[in-house]
Amino acid sequence: MKKFWYGVLAFAPVTLIILSLASIALLFCLIFFLGMGMGVSEIEIEGVLGVLLGLLILLFYGGFFIGIFSAVILNFVDIAVFCVHASKNSKIEQNMKVVWYCLFIAMQSGIAPIYWWMYIKKE
């Protein structure tokens, strides 16, 4: 069960970043196609449709910032958790532990899934 939670922690920041970027891309596509469908170069929507579009923009931007903020927090948690795991892992030589520490600090969310795959999943 512990392997599962390490895996979730390893992949969560990358997943949040991808979902956050996808929400902004979806918002831009929505605005672009809505404007093209109306046959105008600038969207001038009033009334209920304007309020709904404003709420969608708020929702997508809010989701983007919450996702990115959560990913940053999880990156720091990743560094701490995986550095502690690497220090206690007897299968890793001492000089490789230093390399893993440097990789965790430098590459953060990109290296955690690799470490999880190499050392935690195979336990």
C-alpha atoms as a PDB file:
ATOM      1  CA  MET A   1       0.000   0.000   0.000  1.00  0.00           C
ATOM      2  CA  LYS A   2       2.932   2.294   0.699  1.00  0.00           C
ATOM      3  CA  LYS A   3       4.184   1.819  -2.866  1.00  0.00           C
ATOM      4  CA  PHE A   4       0.854   3.092  -4.164  1.00  0.00           C
ATOM      5  CA  TRP A   5       1.027   6.332  -2.168  1.00  0.00           C
ATOM      6  CA  TYR A   6       4.636   6.905  -3.174  1.00  0.00           C
ATOM      7  CA  GLY A   7       3.505   6.472  -6.781  1.00  0.00           C
ATOM      8  CA  VAL A   8       0.660   8.941  -6.323  1.00  0.00           C
ATOM      9  CA  LEU A   9       3.070  11.434  -4.792  1.00  0.00           C
ATOM     10  CA  ALA A  10       5.575  10.893  -7.601  1.00  0.00           C
ATOM     11  CA  PHE A  11       3.100  11.479 -10.428  1.00  0.00           C
ATOM     12  CA  ALA A  12       0.756  14.065  -8.845  1.00  0.00           C
ATOM     13  CA  PRO A  13       2.787  17.240  -9.600  1.00  0.00           C
ATOM     14  CA  VAL A  14       3.278  16.315 -13.257  1.00  0.00           C
ATOM     15  CA  THR A  15      -0.400  15.441 -13.599  1.00  0.00           C
ATOM     16  CA  LEU A  16      -1.490  18.708 -11.981  1.00  0.00           C
ATOM     17  CA  ILE A  17       0.747  20.749 -14.264  1.00  0.00           C
ATOM     18  CA  ILE A  18      -0.598  18.978 -17.361  1.00  0.00           C
ATOM     19  CA  LEU A  19      -4.218  19.430 -16.240  1.00  0.00           C
ATOM     20  CA  SER A  20      -3.611  23.101 -15.438  1.00  0.00           C
ATOM     21  CA  LEU A  21      -2.120  23.778 -18.846  1.00  0.00           C
ATOM     22  CA  ALA A  22      -4.950  21.841 -20.485  1.00  0.00           C
ATOM     23  CA  SER A  23      -7.527  24.009 -18.701  1.00  0.00           C
ATOM     24  CA  ILE A  24      -5.949  27.183 -20.091  1.00  0.00           C
ATOM     25  CA  ALA A  25      -5.725  25.660 -23.584  1.00  0.00           C
ATOM     26  CA  LEU A  26      -9.378  24.648 -23.350  1.00  0.00           C
ATOM     27  CA  LEU A  27     -10.326  28.155 -22.277  1.00  0.00           C
ATOM     28  CA  PHE A  28      -8.514  29.736 -25.214  1.00  0.00           C
ATOM     29  CA  CYS A  29     -10.107  27.249 -27.626  1.00  0.00           C
ATOM     30  CA  LEU A  30     -13.526  27.969 -26.147  1.00  0.00           C
ATOM     31  CA  ILE A  31     -13.120  31.721 -26.535  1.00  0.00           C
ATOM     32  CA  PHE A  32     -11.629  31.397 -30.025  1.00  0.00           C
ATOM     33  CA  PHE A  33     -14.325  29.086 -31.385  1.00  0.00           C
ATOM     34  CA  LEU A  34     -17.114  30.985 -29.654  1.00  0.00           C
ATOM     35  CA  GLY A  35     -15.880  34.159 -31.324  1.00  0.00           C
ATOM     36  CA  MET A  36     -15.594  32.478 -34.710  1.00  0.00           C
ATOM     37  CA  GLY A  37     -19.029  30.915 -34.380  1.00  0.00           C
ATOM     38  CA  MET A  38     -20.540  34.307 -33.759  1.00  0.00           C
ATOM     39  CA  GLY A  39     -18.750  35.705 -36.797  1.00  0.00           C
ATOM     40  CA  VAL A  40     -16.965  38.443 -34.885  1.00  0.00           C
ATOM     41  CA  SER A  41     -13.302  39.047 -34.317  1.00  0.00           C
ATOM     42  CA  GLU A  42     -13.842  40.217 -30.743  1.00  0.00           C
ATOM     43  CA  ILE A  43     -16.332  38.619 -28.433  1.00  0.00           C
ATOM     44  CA  GLU A  44     -18.952  41.096 -27.326  1.00  0.00           C
ATOM     45  CA  ILE A  45     -21.397  39.118 -25.263  1.00  0.00           C
ATOM     46  CA  GLU A  46     -23.885  40.736 -22.944  1.00  0.00           C
ATOM     47  CA  GLY A  47     -26.506  39.465 -20.558  1.00  0.00           C
ATOM     48  CA  VAL A  48     -26.683  35.928 -19.252  1.00  0.00           C
ATOM     49  CA  LEU A  49     -24.259  34.557 -21.854  1.00  0.00           C
ATOM     50  CA  GLY A  50     -21.694  37.171 -20.841  1.00  0.00           C
ATOM     51  CA  VAL A  51     -22.049  36.226 -17.182  1.00  0.00           C
ATOM     52  CA  LEU A  52     -21.668  32.531 -18.030  1.00  0.00           C
ATOM     53  CA  LEU A  53     -18.572  33.223 -20.094  1.00  0.00           C
ATOM     54  CA  GLY A  54     -17.148  35.291 -17.240  1.00  0.00           C
ATOM     55  CA  LEU A  55     -17.769  32.429 -14.822  1.00  0.00           C
ATOM     56  CA  LEU A  56     -16.106  29.970 -17.213  1.00  0.00           C
ATOM     57  CA  ILE A  57     -13.071  32.218 -17.488  1.00  0.00           C
ATOM     58  CA  LEU A  58     -12.932  32.523 -13.702  1.00  0.00           C
ATOM     59  CA  LEU A  59     -13.304  28.752 -13.331  1.00  0.00           C
ATOM     60  CA  PHE A  60     -10.578  27.907 -15.848  1.00  0.00           C
ATOM     61  CA  TYR A  61      -8.114  30.513 -14.533  1.00  0.00           C
ATOM     62  CA  GLY A  62      -8.907  29.528 -10.955  1.00  0.00           C
ATOM     63  CA  GLY A  63      -8.313  25.878 -11.809  1.00  0.00           C
ATOM     64  CA  PHE A  64      -5.056  26.808 -13.510  1.00  0.00           C
ATOM     65  CA  PHE A  65      -3.675  28.747 -10.541  1.00  0.00           C
ATOM     66  CA  ILE A  66      -4.881  26.233  -7.958  1.00  0.00           C
ATOM     67  CA  GLY A  67      -3.355  23.387  -9.987  1.00  0.00           C
ATOM     68  CA  ILE A  68      -0.012  25.131 -10.410  1.00  0.00           C
ATOM     69  CA  PHE A  69       0.097  26.193  -6.741  1.00  0.00           C
ATOM     70  CA  SER A  70      -0.714  22.624  -5.635  1.00  0.00           C
ATOM     71  CA  ALA A  71       1.968  21.244  -7.968  1.00  0.00           C
ATOM     72  CA  VAL A  72       4.579  23.583  -6.470  1.00  0.00           C
ATOM     73  CA  ILE A  73       3.658  22.538  -2.930  1.00  0.00           C
ATOM     74  CA  LEU A  74       3.732  18.859  -3.936  1.00  0.00           C
ATOM     75  CA  ASN A  75       7.145  19.367  -5.545  1.00  0.00           C
ATOM     76  CA  PHE A  76       8.579  20.462  -2.191  1.00  0.00           C
ATOM     77  CA  VAL A  77       6.879  17.509  -0.491  1.00  0.00           C
ATOM     78  CA  ASP A  78       8.339  15.231  -3.193  1.00  0.00           C
ATOM     79  CA  ILE A  79      11.839  16.521  -2.543  1.00  0.00           C
ATOM     80  CA  ALA A  80      11.557  15.915   1.195  1.00  0.00           C
ATOM     81  CA  VAL A  81       9.863  12.510   1.003  1.00  0.00           C
ATOM     82  CA  PHE A  82      12.034  11.034  -1.732  1.00  0.00           C
ATOM     83  CA  CYS A  83      15.285  12.399  -0.261  1.00  0.00           C
ATOM     84  CA  VAL A  84      14.403  10.742   3.049  1.00  0.00           C
ATOM     85  CA  HIS A  85      13.521   7.521   1.230  1.00  0.00           C
ATOM     86  CA  ALA A  86      16.788   7.615  -0.714  1.00  0.00           C
ATOM     87  CA  SER A  87      18.800   8.191   2.455  1.00  0.00           C
ATOM     88  CA  LYS A  88      17.207   5.154   4.129  1.00  0.00           C
ATOM     89  CA  ASN A  89      17.417   2.933   1.042  1.00  0.00           C
ATOM     90  CA  SER A  90      20.228   0.403   1.553  1.00  0.00           C
ATOM     91  CA  LYS A  91      20.170  -0.636  -2.128  1.00  0.00           C
ATOM     92  CA  ILE A  92      21.633   2.711  -3.201  1.00  0.00           C
ATOM     93  CA  GLU A  93      25.369   3.339  -2.821  1.00  0.00           C
ATOM     94  CA  GLN A  94      26.427   6.436  -0.909  1.00  0.00           C
ATOM     95  CA  ASN A  95      27.772   8.304  -3.958  1.00  0.00           C
ATOM     96  CA  MET A  96      24.540   7.574  -5.865  1.00  0.00           C
ATOM     97  CA  LYS A  97      22.518   8.958  -2.963  1.00  0.00           C
ATOM     98  CA  VAL A  98      24.222  12.311  -3.476  1.00  0.00           C
ATOM     99  CA  VAL A  99      23.391  12.134  -7.184  1.00  0.00           C
ATOM    100  CA  TRP A 100      19.751  11.394  -6.377  1.00  0.00           C
ATOM    101  CA  TYR A 101      19.617  14.339  -3.929  1.00  0.00           C
ATOM    102  CA  CYS A 102      20.966  16.672  -6.601  1.00  0.00           C
ATOM    103  CA  LEU A 103      18.521  15.304  -9.170  1.00  0.00           C
ATOM    104  CA  PHE A 104      15.575  15.744  -6.796  1.00  0.00           C
ATOM    105  CA  ILE A 105      16.504  19.357  -6.151  1.00  0.00           C
ATOM    106  CA  ALA A 106      17.311  20.198  -9.774  1.00  0.00           C
ATOM    107  CA  MET A 107      14.568  18.342 -11.629  1.00  0.00           C
ATOM    108  CA  GLN A 108      11.897  18.036  -8.930  1.00  0.00           C
ATOM    109  CA  SER A 109       8.761  16.534 -10.462  1.00  0.00           C
ATOM    110  CA  GLY A 110      10.543  15.053 -13.462  1.00  0.00           C
ATOM    111  CA  ILE A 111      12.800  12.745 -11.474  1.00  0.00           C
ATOM    112  CA  ALA A 112      10.377  11.489  -8.808  1.00  0.00           C
ATOM    113  CA  PRO A 113       8.527   9.082 -11.169  1.00  0.00           C
ATOM    114  CA  ILE A 114      11.870   7.677 -12.340  1.00  0.00           C
ATOM    115  CA  TYR A 115      13.070   7.101  -8.772  1.00  0.00           C
ATOM    116  CA  TRP A 116       9.713   5.535  -7.894  1.00  0.00           C
ATOM    117  CA  TRP A 117       9.969   3.194 -10.884  1.00  0.00           C
ATOM    118  CA  MET A 118      13.572   2.194 -10.203  1.00  0.00           C
ATOM    119  CA  TYR A 119      13.562   1.765  -6.429  1.00  0.00           C
ATOM    120  CA  ILE A 120      10.085   1.750  -4.895  1.00  0.00           C
ATOM    121  CA  LYS A 121       7.909  -0.125  -7.377  1.00  0.00           C
ATOM    122  CA  LYS A 122      10.415  -2.946  -7.697  1.00  0.00           C
ATOM    123  CA  GLU A 123      10.706  -3.540  -3.924  1.00  0.00           C
END
